[in-house]
């Protein structure tokens, strides 16, 4: 297992643009969840007058997707800070890139687990995503 993780990290591109792309993907992910929440909730043009009220009244899948959106926005500052601090402290770029994209993929899985009401899987994916952020902070501290 550890060998597979090491191969994943070592083979990741050392370009800084890879981490920036992951940051952009993480920033856009809440908007994807919001769009899906609106579509599944039956959002109409007239609902655009007060979209938060519309989303607050949704139930089922739409409500869970809206919750995934909210939680994705809540976790975003920690992720962005972790990536930037790791870059600032000269953590090897391939490590940053691997953890950044792993975070994004875990958050995508988190949103899907939230949508399909898989609460235990959702919690595990949330924990693993936050672990990526904590690992970036840890590696930054080791480098200084």
Protein backbone atom coordinates (compact mmCIF):
# COMPACT_ATOMS: atom_id res chain seq x y z
CA UNK A 1 0.00 0.00 0.00
CA UNK A 2 2.75 2.43 0.97
CA UNK A 3 4.60 1.61 -2.26
CA UNK A 4 1.52 2.55 -4.28
CA UNK A 5 1.24 5.87 -2.44
CA UNK A 6 4.92 6.63 -3.00
CA UNK A 7 4.62 5.84 -6.72
CA UNK A 8 1.59 8.15 -6.92
CA UNK A 9 3.50 11.03 -5.32
CA UNK A 10 6.83 10.45 -7.11
CA UNK A 11 5.21 10.22 -10.54
CA UNK A 12 3.22 13.42 -10.10
CA UNK A 13 4.35 16.38 -12.19
CA UNK A 14 6.64 18.89 -10.45
CA UNK A 15 5.01 21.84 -12.28
CA UNK A 16 3.46 24.50 -10.05
CA UNK A 17 0.59 24.88 -12.52
CA UNK A 18 -0.70 21.45 -11.46
CA UNK A 19 -1.35 22.69 -7.92
CA UNK A 20 -2.92 25.88 -9.25
CA UNK A 21 -5.26 23.79 -11.40
CA UNK A 22 -6.22 21.76 -8.32
CA UNK A 23 -6.90 24.98 -6.42
CA UNK A 24 -9.14 26.21 -9.25
CA UNK A 25 -10.97 22.86 -9.36
CA UNK A 26 -11.55 23.01 -5.60
CA UNK A 27 -12.88 26.57 -5.93
CA UNK A 28 -15.31 25.55 -8.68
CA UNK A 29 -16.54 22.38 -6.99
CA UNK A 30 -19.04 24.12 -4.64
CA UNK A 31 -20.60 25.82 -7.65
CA UNK A 32 -21.03 22.43 -9.35
CA UNK A 33 -22.82 21.13 -6.26
CA UNK A 34 -24.99 24.26 -6.18
CA UNK A 35 -25.92 23.85 -9.84
CA UNK A 36 -26.79 20.18 -9.30
CA UNK A 37 -28.85 21.10 -6.22
CA UNK A 38 -30.80 23.64 -8.23
CA UNK A 39 -31.36 21.28 -11.16
CA UNK A 40 -32.53 18.39 -8.95
CA UNK A 41 -34.65 20.74 -6.85
CA UNK A 42 -36.57 22.08 -9.84
CA UNK A 43 -35.05 25.56 -9.89
CA UNK A 44 -36.87 27.95 -12.23
CA UNK A 45 -35.88 31.37 -13.49
CA UNK A 46 -38.37 32.99 -11.12
CA UNK A 47 -36.53 31.31 -8.19
CA UNK A 48 -33.47 33.38 -9.04
CA UNK A 49 -35.06 36.30 -7.18
CA UNK A 50 -34.19 34.50 -3.93
CA UNK A 51 -32.05 31.42 -4.64
CA UNK A 52 -31.01 30.87 -1.03
CA UNK A 53 -34.63 30.66 0.06
CA UNK A 54 -35.29 28.19 -2.76
CA UNK A 55 -32.36 25.98 -1.71
CA UNK A 56 -33.34 26.20 1.96
CA UNK A 57 -36.76 24.75 1.10
CA UNK A 58 -35.43 21.81 -0.90
CA UNK A 59 -35.52 18.27 0.42
CA UNK A 60 -33.90 14.95 -0.39
CA UNK A 61 -31.19 14.89 -3.04
CA UNK A 62 -31.32 18.63 -3.72
CA UNK A 63 -30.97 19.46 -0.02
CA UNK A 64 -28.03 17.07 0.36
CA UNK A 65 -26.29 18.57 -2.70
CA UNK A 66 -26.84 22.02 -1.20
CA UNK A 67 -25.26 20.80 2.03
CA UNK A 68 -22.30 19.46 0.02
CA UNK A 69 -21.99 22.91 -1.55
CA UNK A 70 -22.01 24.62 1.84
CA UNK A 71 -19.46 22.25 3.33
CA UNK A 72 -17.23 22.59 0.27
CA UNK A 73 -17.14 26.35 0.74
CA UNK A 74 -16.37 25.86 4.44
CA UNK A 75 -13.38 23.60 3.77
CA UNK A 76 -11.97 25.70 0.94
CA UNK A 77 -10.00 28.28 3.00
CA UNK A 78 -8.06 25.58 4.85
CA UNK A 79 -7.21 23.81 1.58
CA UNK A 80 -6.08 26.98 -0.19
CA UNK A 81 -4.02 28.06 2.81
CA UNK A 82 -2.41 24.63 3.10
CA UNK A 83 -1.35 24.60 -0.56
CA UNK A 84 -0.01 28.16 -0.44
CA UNK A 85 1.87 27.63 2.83
CA UNK A 86 3.40 24.42 1.46
CA UNK A 87 4.53 26.28 -1.66
CA UNK A 88 5.92 29.13 0.44
CA UNK A 89 7.91 26.70 2.58
CA UNK A 90 9.34 24.87 -0.46
CA UNK A 91 7.66 21.52 0.10
CA UNK A 92 8.56 19.47 -3.00
CA UNK A 93 6.11 20.50 -5.70
CA UNK A 94 5.21 16.94 -6.71
CA UNK A 95 4.12 16.28 -3.11
CA UNK A 96 2.01 19.44 -3.09
CA UNK A 97 0.48 18.54 -6.45
CA UNK A 98 -0.35 14.98 -5.40
CA UNK A 99 -1.97 16.02 -2.12
CA UNK A 100 -3.83 18.90 -3.77
CA UNK A 101 -5.38 16.68 -6.44
CA UNK A 102 -6.05 13.93 -3.92
CA UNK A 103 -7.99 16.50 -1.88
CA UNK A 104 -10.03 17.50 -4.95
CA UNK A 105 -10.86 13.88 -5.82
CA UNK A 106 -11.79 13.13 -2.22
CA UNK A 107 -14.06 16.19 -2.17
CA UNK A 108 -15.73 15.02 -5.37
CA UNK A 109 -16.33 11.64 -3.75
CA UNK A 110 -17.52 13.42 -0.62
CA UNK A 111 -20.13 15.29 -2.64
CA UNK A 112 -21.31 12.11 -4.30
CA UNK A 113 -21.49 10.31 -0.94
CA UNK A 114 -23.47 13.26 0.43
CA UNK A 115 -25.83 13.21 -2.56
CA UNK A 116 -26.53 9.49 -2.23
CA UNK A 117 -26.87 9.69 1.57
CA UNK A 118 -23.88 7.48 2.35
CA UNK A 119 -23.10 9.11 5.68
CA UNK A 120 -20.28 6.83 6.86
CA UNK A 121 -18.45 7.03 3.52
CA UNK A 122 -19.02 10.78 3.50
CA UNK A 123 -17.40 11.13 6.92
CA UNK A 124 -14.42 8.99 5.92
CA UNK A 125 -13.90 11.03 2.73
CA UNK A 126 -14.19 14.29 4.69
CA UNK A 127 -11.56 13.07 7.17
CA UNK A 128 -9.20 11.97 4.38
CA UNK A 129 -9.62 15.32 2.60
CA UNK A 130 -8.82 17.24 5.76
CA UNK A 131 -5.85 14.92 6.28
CA UNK A 132 -4.44 16.10 2.95
CA UNK A 133 -4.57 19.68 4.24
CA UNK A 134 -2.99 18.72 7.55
CA UNK A 135 -0.25 16.80 5.73
CA UNK A 136 0.55 19.89 3.65
CA UNK A 137 0.83 21.99 6.81
CA UNK A 138 2.97 19.30 8.46
CA UNK A 139 5.35 19.11 5.50
CA UNK A 140 5.59 22.90 5.49
CA UNK A 141 6.54 22.92 9.18
CA UNK A 142 9.19 20.25 8.58
CA UNK A 143 10.73 22.34 5.80
CA UNK A 144 11.28 25.45 7.95
